[in-house]
Amino acid sequence: MTDAPTTLTLTTETGDVVIRLRPDLAPAHVAQIACLAAEGFYDGVVFHRVIPGFMAQGGDPTGTGMGGSKRPNIKAEFSSEPHVRGTCSMARSSNPDSANSQFFICFADSAFLNRQYTVWGEVTDGMDHIDALPKGEPPRSPGKIIKAVVA
């Protein structure tokens, strides 16, 4: 029996989004996200980039897309897992080993991201709350993560 977290629940203004964590694909990324969530890092953080038909990105405490946590960046853990609706993957710069705290959730199939971004989870419930996020880069009134809880 393991005490490793299996889900991440993001409470948004419209409801809960439940994400099944995938340590089998990206153990270091799942560990980083779980630690950040447990520390309250994601609480109050906005979705600063929401592109219809593509993805919603959050996890930057500055809300600009340029920030991250004080933790070290993580080496890429690319896999053959496809980027499809509900896939949770890490955002990064052009350096494959630059993922830190920012992540995105795919609205639709995005095969061009496959094997280039680290998949760490999948939305199992509440995708309608991601669909409901205000759109924009950045949105005029961005949706936010009220609380992030690992279980």
N, C-alpha and C. Protein backbone atom coordinates (compact mmCIF):
# COMPACT_ATOMS: atom_id res chain seq x y z
N MET A 1 0.85 -1.20 0.00
CA MET A 1 0.00 0.00 0.00
C MET A 1 0.88 1.24 0.00
N THR A 2 0.55 2.18 -0.85
CA THR A 2 1.34 3.41 -0.94
C THR A 2 0.52 4.59 -0.42
N ASP A 3 1.22 5.59 0.10
CA ASP A 3 0.52 6.77 0.55
C ASP A 3 0.72 7.92 -0.43
N ALA A 4 1.21 7.59 -1.62
CA ALA A 4 1.38 8.60 -2.66
C ALA A 4 0.02 9.11 -3.10
N PRO A 5 -0.07 10.42 -3.39
CA PRO A 5 -1.36 10.97 -3.83
C PRO A 5 -1.76 10.39 -5.18
N THR A 6 -3.07 10.22 -5.35
CA THR A 6 -3.57 9.68 -6.61
C THR A 6 -4.40 10.69 -7.38
N THR A 7 -4.89 11.73 -6.69
CA THR A 7 -5.67 12.76 -7.36
C THR A 7 -5.26 14.15 -6.91
N LEU A 8 -5.51 15.10 -7.78
CA LEU A 8 -5.38 16.52 -7.48
C LEU A 8 -6.74 17.12 -7.78
N THR A 9 -7.33 17.80 -6.80
CA THR A 9 -8.60 18.46 -7.01
C THR A 9 -8.37 19.96 -7.00
N LEU A 10 -8.76 20.60 -8.11
CA LEU A 10 -8.67 22.06 -8.23
C LEU A 10 -10.07 22.61 -8.02
N THR A 11 -10.25 23.36 -6.95
CA THR A 11 -11.53 24.01 -6.72
C THR A 11 -11.48 25.35 -7.45
N THR A 12 -12.42 25.52 -8.41
CA THR A 12 -12.51 26.77 -9.17
C THR A 12 -13.78 27.50 -8.75
N GLU A 13 -13.97 28.67 -9.32
CA GLU A 13 -15.16 29.46 -8.98
C GLU A 13 -16.45 28.79 -9.42
N THR A 14 -16.36 27.89 -10.40
CA THR A 14 -17.59 27.22 -10.88
C THR A 14 -17.72 25.77 -10.40
N GLY A 15 -16.68 25.24 -9.73
CA GLY A 15 -16.77 23.88 -9.21
C GLY A 15 -15.43 23.17 -9.21
N ASP A 16 -15.45 21.91 -8.81
CA ASP A 16 -14.23 21.12 -8.66
C ASP A 16 -13.83 20.40 -9.94
N VAL A 17 -12.52 20.40 -10.18
CA VAL A 17 -11.92 19.67 -11.29
C VAL A 17 -11.04 18.59 -10.67
N VAL A 18 -11.36 17.31 -10.94
CA VAL A 18 -10.59 16.20 -10.37
C VAL A 18 -9.65 15.66 -11.45
N ILE A 19 -8.38 15.58 -11.07
CA ILE A 19 -7.33 15.13 -11.98
C ILE A 19 -6.69 13.86 -11.43
N ARG A 20 -6.69 12.81 -12.25
CA ARG A 20 -5.98 11.59 -11.86
C ARG A 20 -4.51 11.80 -12.16
N LEU A 21 -3.69 11.69 -11.12
CA LEU A 21 -2.24 11.86 -11.27
C LEU A 21 -1.64 10.63 -11.93
N ARG A 22 -0.60 10.83 -12.74
CA ARG A 22 0.03 9.75 -13.49
C ARG A 22 1.52 9.64 -13.17
N PRO A 23 1.86 9.20 -11.94
CA PRO A 23 3.27 9.02 -11.61
C PRO A 23 3.93 7.94 -12.45
N ASP A 24 3.13 7.07 -13.07
CA ASP A 24 3.69 6.05 -13.95
C ASP A 24 4.30 6.69 -15.21
N LEU A 25 3.82 7.87 -15.57
CA LEU A 25 4.34 8.59 -16.74
C LEU A 25 5.40 9.62 -16.36
N ALA A 26 5.19 10.31 -15.24
CA ALA A 26 6.03 11.45 -14.88
C ALA A 26 6.19 11.57 -13.36
N PRO A 27 6.95 10.66 -12.76
CA PRO A 27 7.04 10.67 -11.29
C PRO A 27 7.58 11.96 -10.70
N ALA A 28 8.58 12.57 -11.32
CA ALA A 28 9.15 13.80 -10.76
C ALA A 28 8.17 14.96 -10.88
N HIS A 29 7.46 15.04 -11.99
CA HIS A 29 6.48 16.11 -12.18
C HIS A 29 5.31 15.96 -11.22
N VAL A 30 4.81 14.75 -11.06
CA VAL A 30 3.71 14.50 -10.12
C VAL A 30 4.16 14.86 -8.70
N ALA A 31 5.36 14.49 -8.33
CA ALA A 31 5.87 14.80 -6.99
C ALA A 31 5.94 16.32 -6.78
N GLN A 32 6.42 17.04 -7.79
CA GLN A 32 6.53 18.51 -7.68
C GLN A 32 5.15 19.14 -7.54
N ILE A 33 4.20 18.74 -8.37
CA ILE A 33 2.85 19.30 -8.30
C ILE A 33 2.19 18.97 -6.96
N ALA A 34 2.36 17.73 -6.50
CA ALA A 34 1.77 17.32 -5.22
C ALA A 34 2.36 18.14 -4.07
N CYS A 35 3.67 18.35 -4.08
CA CYS A 35 4.31 19.15 -3.02
C CYS A 35 3.83 20.60 -3.07
N LEU A 36 3.78 21.17 -4.27
CA LEU A 36 3.32 22.56 -4.41
C LEU A 36 1.87 22.70 -3.94
N ALA A 37 1.02 21.76 -4.33
CA ALA A 37 -0.38 21.81 -3.90
C ALA A 37 -0.49 21.70 -2.38
N ALA A 38 0.27 20.77 -1.80
CA ALA A 38 0.22 20.57 -0.35
C ALA A 38 0.69 21.83 0.40
N GLU A 39 1.60 22.58 -0.20
CA GLU A 39 2.10 23.82 0.42
C GLU A 39 1.15 25.00 0.21
N GLY A 40 0.09 24.81 -0.60
CA GLY A 40 -0.83 25.90 -0.87
C GLY A 40 -0.37 26.82 -1.99
N PHE A 41 0.67 26.42 -2.72
CA PHE A 41 1.24 27.25 -3.78
C PHE A 41 0.20 27.64 -4.83
N TYR A 42 -0.67 26.71 -5.22
CA TYR A 42 -1.62 26.97 -6.29
C TYR A 42 -2.88 27.72 -5.84
N ASP A 43 -3.09 27.83 -4.54
CA ASP A 43 -4.29 28.48 -4.02
C ASP A 43 -4.30 29.96 -4.42
N GLY A 44 -5.34 30.37 -5.14
CA GLY A 44 -5.47 31.76 -5.57
C GLY A 44 -4.79 32.08 -6.90
N VAL A 45 -4.13 31.11 -7.50
CA VAL A 45 -3.43 31.32 -8.78
C VAL A 45 -4.43 31.26 -9.93
N VAL A 46 -4.26 32.17 -10.90
CA VAL A 46 -5.21 32.27 -12.01
C VAL A 46 -4.79 31.40 -13.21
N PHE A 47 -5.76 31.18 -14.08
CA PHE A 47 -5.50 30.61 -15.41
C PHE A 47 -5.23 31.82 -16.31
N HIS A 48 -3.95 32.09 -16.57
CA HIS A 48 -3.54 33.32 -17.24
C HIS A 48 -3.58 33.24 -18.77
N ARG A 49 -3.78 32.03 -19.30
CA ARG A 49 -3.78 31.86 -20.76
C ARG A 49 -4.81 30.78 -21.09
N VAL A 50 -5.92 31.19 -21.70
CA VAL A 50 -7.00 30.25 -22.00
C VAL A 50 -7.38 30.45 -23.47
N ILE A 51 -6.99 29.48 -24.29
CA ILE A 51 -7.17 29.58 -25.74
C ILE A 51 -8.25 28.59 -26.17
N PRO A 52 -9.40 29.09 -26.64
CA PRO A 52 -10.49 28.19 -27.05
C PRO A 52 -10.01 27.16 -28.07
N GLY A 53 -10.46 25.91 -27.89
CA GLY A 53 -10.10 24.85 -28.80
C GLY A 53 -8.69 24.32 -28.62
N PHE A 54 -7.95 24.88 -27.66
CA PHE A 54 -6.57 24.44 -27.43
C PHE A 54 -6.35 24.05 -25.98
N MET A 55 -6.15 25.04 -25.09
CA MET A 55 -5.84 24.69 -23.71
C MET A 55 -6.03 25.87 -22.77
N ALA A 56 -6.05 25.52 -21.45
CA ALA A 56 -6.08 26.50 -20.36
C ALA A 56 -4.80 26.32 -19.56
N GLN A 57 -4.06 27.41 -19.36
CA GLN A 57 -2.77 27.35 -18.67
C GLN A 57 -2.82 28.14 -17.37
N GLY A 58 -2.26 27.55 -16.31
CA GLY A 58 -2.17 28.19 -15.01
C GLY A 58 -0.92 27.74 -14.28
N GLY A 59 -0.85 28.08 -13.01
CA GLY A 59 0.28 27.64 -12.20
C GLY A 59 1.37 28.65 -12.02
N ASP A 60 1.17 29.88 -12.50
CA ASP A 60 2.15 30.95 -12.36
C ASP A 60 1.65 31.92 -11.29
N PRO A 61 2.38 32.03 -10.16
CA PRO A 61 1.91 32.91 -9.08
C PRO A 61 1.86 34.39 -9.48
N THR A 62 2.60 34.78 -10.52
CA THR A 62 2.57 36.18 -10.96
C THR A 62 1.41 36.45 -11.91
N GLY A 63 0.82 35.38 -12.47
CA GLY A 63 -0.28 35.53 -13.41
C GLY A 63 0.14 36.05 -14.78
N THR A 64 1.45 36.07 -15.04
CA THR A 64 1.96 36.63 -16.30
C THR A 64 2.41 35.57 -17.30
N GLY A 65 2.61 34.34 -16.82
CA GLY A 65 3.18 33.31 -17.68
C GLY A 65 4.69 33.27 -17.60
N MET A 66 5.27 34.13 -16.78
CA MET A 66 6.73 34.20 -16.67
C MET A 66 7.25 33.70 -15.31
N GLY A 67 6.36 33.37 -14.39
CA GLY A 67 6.78 33.01 -13.03
C GLY A 67 6.73 31.52 -12.76
N GLY A 68 7.24 31.16 -11.61
CA GLY A 68 7.24 29.77 -11.17
C GLY A 68 7.46 29.71 -9.67
N SER A 69 7.73 28.51 -9.20
CA SER A 69 7.99 28.32 -7.77
C SER A 69 9.47 28.50 -7.49
N LYS A 70 9.81 28.44 -6.22
CA LYS A 70 11.22 28.52 -5.82
C LYS A 70 11.91 27.16 -5.96
N ARG A 71 11.15 26.13 -6.25
CA ARG A 71 11.71 24.79 -6.42
C ARG A 71 12.50 24.72 -7.73
N PRO A 72 13.46 23.79 -7.81
CA PRO A 72 14.22 23.65 -9.06
C PRO A 72 13.32 23.19 -10.21
N ASN A 73 13.71 23.56 -11.42
CA ASN A 73 13.01 23.06 -12.61
C ASN A 73 13.19 21.55 -12.69
N ILE A 74 12.34 20.90 -13.48
CA ILE A 74 12.32 19.44 -13.56
C ILE A 74 12.75 19.00 -14.95
N LYS A 75 13.55 17.94 -14.97
CA LYS A 75 13.95 17.35 -16.26
C LYS A 75 12.72 16.78 -16.96
N ALA A 76 12.69 16.90 -18.27
CA ALA A 76 11.57 16.40 -19.07
C ALA A 76 11.34 14.91 -18.81
N GLU A 77 10.07 14.53 -18.77
CA GLU A 77 9.66 13.13 -18.66
C GLU A 77 8.65 12.87 -19.79
N PHE A 78 9.11 13.03 -21.02
CA PHE A 78 8.23 12.86 -22.17
C PHE A 78 7.83 11.40 -22.29
N SER A 79 6.61 11.18 -22.77
CA SER A 79 6.11 9.82 -22.93
C SER A 79 5.30 9.75 -24.22
N SER A 80 4.79 8.57 -24.51
CA SER A 80 3.97 8.40 -25.70
C SER A 80 2.50 8.72 -25.42
N GLU A 81 2.18 9.11 -24.17
CA GLU A 81 0.80 9.46 -23.82
C GLU A 81 0.35 10.65 -24.67
N PRO A 82 -0.79 10.53 -25.36
CA PRO A 82 -1.21 11.61 -26.26
C PRO A 82 -1.83 12.79 -25.51
N HIS A 83 -1.70 13.95 -26.13
CA HIS A 83 -2.36 15.16 -25.64
C HIS A 83 -3.76 15.19 -26.27
N VAL A 84 -4.77 14.84 -25.46
CA VAL A 84 -6.17 14.81 -25.89
C VAL A 84 -6.99 15.63 -24.90
N ARG A 85 -8.27 15.77 -25.17
CA ARG A 85 -9.14 16.53 -24.26
C ARG A 85 -8.99 16.01 -22.83
N GLY A 86 -8.71 16.91 -21.89
CA GLY A 86 -8.56 16.55 -20.49
C GLY A 86 -7.15 16.21 -20.07
N THR A 87 -6.21 16.13 -21.01
CA THR A 87 -4.81 15.85 -20.65
C THR A 87 -4.24 17.03 -19.88
N CYS A 88 -3.51 16.70 -18.80
CA CYS A 88 -2.81 17.71 -18.00
C CYS A 88 -1.32 17.54 -18.28
N SER A 89 -0.67 18.63 -18.67
CA SER A 89 0.72 18.57 -19.10
C SER A 89 1.44 19.79 -18.57
N MET A 90 2.76 19.71 -18.50
CA MET A 90 3.54 20.82 -17.98
C MET A 90 3.88 21.84 -19.05
N ALA A 91 3.76 23.11 -18.68
CA ALA A 91 4.23 24.19 -19.54
C ALA A 91 5.73 24.34 -19.28
N ARG A 92 6.43 24.87 -20.26
CA ARG A 92 7.88 25.07 -20.15
C ARG A 92 8.31 26.11 -21.16
N SER A 93 9.57 26.53 -21.05
CA SER A 93 10.15 27.42 -22.06
C SER A 93 10.64 26.56 -23.23
N SER A 94 11.46 27.11 -24.09
CA SER A 94 12.00 26.33 -25.21
C SER A 94 12.96 25.24 -24.72
N ASN A 95 13.45 25.36 -23.49
CA ASN A 95 14.32 24.34 -22.89
C ASN A 95 13.44 23.20 -22.39
N PRO A 96 13.61 21.98 -22.91
CA PRO A 96 12.75 20.86 -22.48
C PRO A 96 12.80 20.58 -20.97
N ASP A 97 13.89 20.98 -20.31
CA ASP A 97 14.06 20.71 -18.88
C ASP A 97 13.73 21.93 -18.01
N SER A 98 12.78 22.75 -18.45
CA SER A 98 12.48 23.99 -17.73
C SER A 98 11.11 24.00 -17.05
N ALA A 99 10.41 22.87 -17.01
CA ALA A 99 9.11 22.84 -16.33
C ALA A 99 9.31 23.10 -14.84
N ASN A 100 8.37 23.84 -14.23
CA ASN A 100 8.50 24.16 -12.82
C ASN A 100 7.15 24.02 -12.11
N SER A 101 6.27 24.99 -12.29
CA SER A 101 4.96 24.95 -11.62
C SER A 101 3.81 25.15 -12.59
N GLN A 102 4.08 25.69 -13.77
CA GLN A 102 3.00 25.97 -14.72
C GLN A 102 2.58 24.71 -15.46
N PHE A 103 1.28 24.63 -15.69
CA PHE A 103 0.73 23.47 -16.37
C PHE A 103 -0.41 23.91 -17.27
N PHE A 104 -0.85 23.02 -18.13
CA PHE A 104 -2.01 23.31 -18.97
C PHE A 104 -2.90 22.09 -19.07
N ILE A 105 -4.16 22.35 -19.36
CA ILE A 105 -5.17 21.31 -19.54
C ILE A 105 -5.73 21.47 -20.95
N CYS A 106 -5.65 20.41 -21.74
CA CYS A 106 -6.09 20.48 -23.14
C CYS A 106 -7.62 20.48 -23.25
N PHE A 107 -8.14 21.38 -24.09
CA PHE A 107 -9.56 21.40 -24.43
C PHE A 107 -9.86 20.39 -25.53
N ALA A 108 -8.87 20.11 -26.36
CA ALA A 108 -9.07 19.28 -27.55
C ALA A 108 -7.79 18.51 -27.85
N ASP A 109 -7.90 17.56 -28.78
CA ASP A 109 -6.72 16.81 -29.20
C ASP A 109 -5.67 17.79 -29.73
N SER A 110 -4.44 17.62 -29.26
CA SER A 110 -3.33 18.51 -29.63
C SER A 110 -2.10 17.66 -29.90
N ALA A 111 -2.19 16.81 -30.93
CA ALA A 111 -1.14 15.82 -31.22
C ALA A 111 0.22 16.47 -31.45
N PHE A 112 0.25 17.73 -31.89
CA PHE A 112 1.54 18.39 -32.14
C PHE A 112 2.36 18.59 -30.87
N LEU A 113 1.73 18.41 -29.70
CA LEU A 113 2.44 18.51 -28.43
C LEU A 113 3.03 17.16 -27.97
N ASN A 114 2.58 16.08 -28.59
CA ASN A 114 2.99 14.74 -28.16
C ASN A 114 4.50 14.59 -28.17
N ARG A 115 5.02 13.94 -27.11
CA ARG A 115 6.44 13.66 -26.93
C ARG A 115 7.31 14.91 -26.83
N GLN A 116 6.66 16.08 -26.63
CA GLN A 116 7.42 17.33 -26.48
C GLN A 116 7.10 18.04 -25.16
N TYR A 117 6.01 17.62 -24.51
CA TYR A 117 5.62 18.18 -23.23
C TYR A 117 5.28 17.02 -22.30
N THR A 118 5.54 17.19 -21.01
CA THR A 118 5.36 16.11 -20.05
C THR A 118 3.91 16.00 -19.58
N VAL A 119 3.27 14.88 -19.90
CA VAL A 119 1.92 14.58 -19.42
C VAL A 119 2.02 14.04 -18.00
N TRP A 120 1.27 14.63 -17.08
CA TRP A 120 1.32 14.21 -15.67
C TRP A 120 -0.04 13.83 -15.09
N GLY A 121 -1.12 14.02 -15.87
CA GLY A 121 -2.43 13.68 -15.33
C GLY A 121 -3.52 13.80 -16.37
N GLU A 122 -4.74 13.46 -15.93
CA GLU A 122 -5.90 13.58 -16.81
C GLU A 122 -7.12 13.95 -15.98
N VAL A 123 -7.92 14.86 -16.52
CA VAL A 123 -9.15 15.27 -15.85
C VAL A 123 -10.14 14.10 -15.91
N THR A 124 -10.63 13.67 -14.74
CA THR A 124 -11.61 12.59 -14.69
C THR A 124 -13.01 13.11 -14.36
N ASP A 125 -13.10 14.33 -13.82
CA ASP A 125 -14.39 14.92 -13.49
C ASP A 125 -14.23 16.43 -13.45
N GLY A 126 -15.24 17.14 -13.96
CA GLY A 126 -15.24 18.60 -13.87
C GLY A 126 -14.63 19.32 -15.06
N MET A 127 -14.47 18.63 -16.18
CA MET A 127 -13.91 19.30 -17.36
C MET A 127 -14.80 20.47 -17.79
N ASP A 128 -16.09 20.40 -17.48
CA ASP A 128 -16.98 21.52 -17.80
C ASP A 128 -16.56 22.80 -17.09
N HIS A 129 -15.90 22.69 -15.93
CA HIS A 129 -15.42 23.88 -15.21
C HIS A 129 -14.20 24.47 -15.90
N ILE A 130 -13.39 23.64 -16.55
CA ILE A 130 -12.27 24.14 -17.35
C ILE A 130 -12.83 24.81 -18.60
N ASP A 131 -13.82 24.17 -19.22
CA ASP A 131 -14.47 24.76 -20.41
C ASP A 131 -15.05 26.14 -20.10
N ALA A 132 -15.50 26.34 -18.86
CA ALA A 132 -16.17 27.60 -18.48
C ALA A 132 -15.20 28.73 -18.13
N LEU A 133 -13.90 28.47 -18.11
CA LEU A 133 -12.93 29.51 -17.75
C LEU A 133 -13.01 30.68 -18.73
N PRO A 134 -12.87 31.91 -18.23
CA PRO A 134 -12.82 33.07 -19.13
C PRO A 134 -11.64 32.94 -20.09
N LYS A 135 -11.90 33.27 -21.37
CA LYS A 135 -10.89 33.09 -22.42
C LYS A 135 -10.04 34.35 -22.59
N GLY A 136 -8.81 34.15 -23.07
CA GLY A 136 -7.93 35.27 -23.38
C GLY A 136 -6.49 34.95 -23.03
N GLU A 137 -5.60 35.86 -23.48
CA GLU A 137 -4.16 35.74 -23.22
C GLU A 137 -3.59 37.09 -22.77
N PRO A 138 -3.87 37.56 -21.58
CA PRO A 138 -4.65 36.92 -20.51
C PRO A 138 -6.13 37.29 -20.60
N PRO A 139 -6.97 36.50 -19.92
CA PRO A 139 -8.39 36.87 -19.85
C PRO A 139 -8.55 38.19 -19.08
N ARG A 140 -9.58 38.94 -19.43
CA ARG A 140 -9.83 40.23 -18.75
C ARG A 140 -10.06 40.00 -17.26
N SER A 141 -10.87 38.99 -16.92
CA SER A 141 -11.11 38.61 -15.52
C SER A 141 -10.83 37.12 -15.41
N PRO A 142 -9.56 36.75 -15.20
CA PRO A 142 -9.19 35.32 -15.26
C PRO A 142 -9.86 34.48 -14.18
N GLY A 143 -10.15 33.21 -14.57
CA GLY A 143 -10.63 32.24 -13.60
C GLY A 143 -9.47 31.85 -12.70
N LYS A 144 -9.78 31.42 -11.50
CA LYS A 144 -8.68 31.08 -10.59
C LYS A 144 -8.90 29.76 -9.88
N ILE A 145 -7.79 29.23 -9.41
CA ILE A 145 -7.80 28.05 -8.55
C ILE A 145 -7.99 28.58 -7.13
N ILE A 146 -9.13 28.29 -6.54
CA ILE A 146 -9.38 28.73 -5.17
C ILE A 146 -8.53 27.88 -4.22
N LYS A 147 -8.53 26.58 -4.46
CA LYS A 147 -7.75 25.67 -3.62
C LYS A 147 -7.35 24.46 -4.45
N ALA A 148 -6.14 23.96 -4.22
CA ALA A 148 -5.66 22.73 -4.86
C ALA A 148 -5.33 21.74 -3.75
N VAL A 149 -5.94 20.55 -3.83
CA VAL A 149 -5.78 19.53 -2.78
C VAL A 149 -5.39 18.21 -3.40
N VAL A 150 -4.33 17.58 -2.84
CA VAL A 150 -3.94 16.25 -3.27
C VAL A 150 -4.52 15.23 -2.30
N ALA A 151 -4.93 14.08 -2.85
CA ALA A 151 -5.51 13.03 -2.00
C ALA A 151 -5.06 11.68 -2.51
